[in-house]
Amino acid sequence: MSYLIIILSVVSLLSGGVNYWQFQQQQSVSKQLAVVEQTANDRLTVIENLQANAQQQAKHLKKLNLTQTSIRNRLAKREQQLRSLKNEYQDYKDWASVKLPVITQRLRQRPAINGTRDYQKHLSNINALQLNAQQPTE
């Protein structure tokens, strides 16, 4: 009978040990599951943000394309108007075909300026206006 009590005690202790081990495994799996769920939620949030940004960029791109189309249409209309005026009036046609004076051409030229040093160099190289030969008398 004492063997039976010892065997039942050992079985009971082993059963308790197995239950404790299972509890520990369940705790570990629960923690891992919580980490995986948090990671999945974080990734879902990132995906939703990326989708919202993509939709916003698509709206902006559509708006830019409409603006670009509008600008192109206005430019084409103005170019057509200029062509019709140029062809309509011979005086305008002659005036438009004349080359600009050298000084005016120089005003339209713009050198590539990158930084303050280039700007200063550009300013020092500009040809100053010539003074009149005669100074006003006092």
Protein backbone atom coordinates (compact mmCIF):
# COMPACT_ATOMS: atom_id res chain seq x y z
CA MET A 1 0.00 0.00 0.00
CA SER A 2 2.86 2.35 0.74
CA TYR A 3 4.17 1.67 -2.78
CA LEU A 4 0.84 2.67 -4.14
CA ILE A 5 0.93 5.94 -2.19
CA ILE A 6 4.49 6.61 -3.37
CA ILE A 7 3.56 5.83 -6.97
CA LEU A 8 0.48 8.05 -6.76
CA SER A 9 2.61 10.83 -5.23
CA VAL A 10 5.22 10.48 -7.99
CA VAL A 11 2.50 10.44 -10.68
CA SER A 12 0.88 13.45 -9.04
CA LEU A 13 4.20 15.32 -8.94
CA LEU A 14 4.95 14.40 -12.55
CA SER A 15 1.47 15.47 -13.57
CA GLY A 16 1.96 18.80 -11.78
CA GLY A 17 5.36 19.23 -13.45
CA VAL A 18 3.90 18.51 -16.87
CA ASN A 19 1.05 20.97 -16.19
CA TYR A 20 3.57 23.63 -15.11
CA TRP A 21 5.68 22.99 -18.23
CA GLN A 22 2.57 23.29 -20.44
CA PHE A 23 1.63 26.52 -18.65
CA GLN A 24 5.12 27.94 -19.27
CA GLN A 25 4.95 26.94 -22.96
CA GLN A 26 1.53 28.55 -23.26
CA GLN A 27 2.85 31.76 -21.67
CA SER A 28 5.81 31.80 -24.08
CA VAL A 29 3.57 31.22 -27.09
CA SER A 30 1.16 33.93 -25.87
CA LYS A 31 4.04 36.44 -25.62
CA GLN A 32 5.29 35.51 -29.08
CA LEU A 33 1.77 35.82 -30.44
CA ALA A 34 1.41 39.30 -28.90
CA VAL A 35 4.70 40.39 -30.50
CA VAL A 36 3.62 39.01 -33.89
CA GLU A 37 0.22 40.72 -33.63
CA GLN A 38 1.87 44.06 -32.73
CA THR A 39 4.27 43.71 -35.67
CA ALA A 40 1.37 42.90 -37.99
CA ASN A 41 -0.59 45.92 -36.72
CA ASP A 42 2.44 48.18 -37.19
CA ARG A 43 2.92 46.92 -40.74
CA LEU A 44 -0.78 47.37 -41.47
CA THR A 45 -0.55 50.97 -40.26
CA VAL A 46 2.46 51.57 -42.51
CA ILE A 47 0.62 50.05 -45.47
CA GLU A 48 -2.44 52.23 -44.83
CA ASN A 49 -0.24 55.35 -44.60
CA LEU A 50 1.54 54.43 -47.84
CA GLN A 51 -1.78 53.89 -49.60
CA ALA A 52 -3.08 57.25 -48.36
CA ASN A 53 0.11 58.95 -49.56
CA ALA A 54 -0.15 57.23 -52.94
CA GLN A 55 -3.74 58.41 -53.33
CA GLN A 56 -2.76 61.95 -52.38
CA GLN A 57 0.13 61.92 -54.84
CA ALA A 58 -2.19 60.63 -57.55
CA LYS A 59 -4.55 63.55 -56.88
CA HIS A 60 -1.68 66.03 -57.02
CA LEU A 61 -0.35 64.47 -60.23
CA LYS A 62 -3.78 64.70 -61.83
CA LYS A 63 -4.04 68.34 -60.79
CA LEU A 64 -0.56 69.06 -62.17
CA ASN A 65 -1.40 67.35 -65.44
CA LEU A 66 -4.57 69.44 -65.77
CA THR A 67 -2.61 72.61 -65.04
CA GLN A 68 0.08 71.62 -67.54
CA THR A 69 -2.55 70.93 -70.19
CA SER A 70 -4.20 74.27 -69.51
CA ILE A 71 -0.87 76.09 -69.79
CA ARG A 72 -0.02 74.29 -73.02
CA ASN A 73 -3.42 75.19 -74.48
CA ARG A 74 -3.02 78.86 -73.54
CA LEU A 75 0.51 78.91 -74.97
CA ALA A 76 -0.65 77.32 -78.22
CA LYS A 77 -3.48 79.85 -78.44
CA ARG A 78 -1.11 82.78 -77.91
CA GLU A 79 1.40 81.41 -80.41
CA GLN A 80 -1.39 81.01 -82.95
CA GLN A 81 -2.54 84.55 -82.25
CA LEU A 82 0.99 85.87 -82.73
CA ARG A 83 1.37 83.93 -85.98
CA SER A 84 -1.90 85.28 -87.29
CA LEU A 85 -0.93 88.84 -86.34
CA LYS A 86 2.51 88.39 -87.85
CA ASN A 87 1.07 87.12 -91.11
CA GLU A 88 -1.74 89.63 -91.10
CA TYR A 89 0.29 92.80 -90.86
CA GLN A 90 3.36 93.24 -93.00
CA ASP A 91 4.71 95.96 -90.71
CA TYR A 92 4.66 93.55 -87.76
CA LYS A 93 6.21 90.89 -89.90
CA ASP A 94 9.05 93.17 -90.90
CA TRP A 95 9.50 94.39 -87.32
CA ALA A 96 9.58 90.82 -85.95
CA SER A 97 12.27 89.76 -88.41
CA VAL A 98 14.70 92.56 -87.46
CA LYS A 99 17.60 91.54 -85.24
CA LEU A 100 17.86 93.22 -81.88
CA PRO A 101 20.69 95.69 -81.30
CA VAL A 102 23.83 94.25 -79.74
CA ILE A 103 23.29 96.03 -76.43
CA THR A 104 19.78 94.61 -76.19
CA GLN A 105 21.02 91.14 -77.03
CA ARG A 106 23.59 91.47 -74.25
CA LEU A 107 20.84 92.31 -71.77
CA ARG A 108 19.13 89.04 -72.58
CA GLN A 109 22.26 86.96 -71.98
CA ARG A 110 22.48 85.47 -68.53
CA PRO A 111 25.59 83.63 -67.41
CA ALA A 112 25.37 80.58 -65.18
CA ILE A 113 25.93 81.92 -61.67
CA ASN A 114 26.53 79.41 -58.90
CA GLY A 115 27.23 81.04 -55.59
CA THR A 116 28.42 84.41 -54.37
CA ARG A 117 31.88 84.16 -55.91
CA ASP A 118 30.47 83.69 -59.43
CA TYR A 119 28.01 86.55 -58.86
CA GLN A 120 30.77 88.88 -57.72
CA LYS A 121 32.90 87.89 -60.72
CA HIS A 122 29.93 88.51 -63.04
CA LEU A 123 29.35 91.96 -61.54
CA SER A 124 33.00 92.94 -61.88
CA ASN A 125 33.07 91.86 -65.56
CA ILE A 126 29.99 93.81 -66.62
CA ASN A 127 30.90 96.61 -69.01
CA ALA A 128 29.92 99.86 -67.35
CA LEU A 129 28.04 102.50 -69.26
CA GLN A 130 30.27 105.03 -71.00
CA LEU A 131 30.28 108.55 -69.61
CA ASN A 132 29.47 111.37 -71.99
CA ALA A 133 32.54 113.14 -73.33
CA GLN A 134 31.32 116.49 -72.09
CA GLN A 135 30.54 117.07 -68.44
CA PRO A 136 27.76 119.52 -67.61
CA THR A 137 29.04 122.95 -66.71
CA GLU A 138 28.29 124.41 -63.34
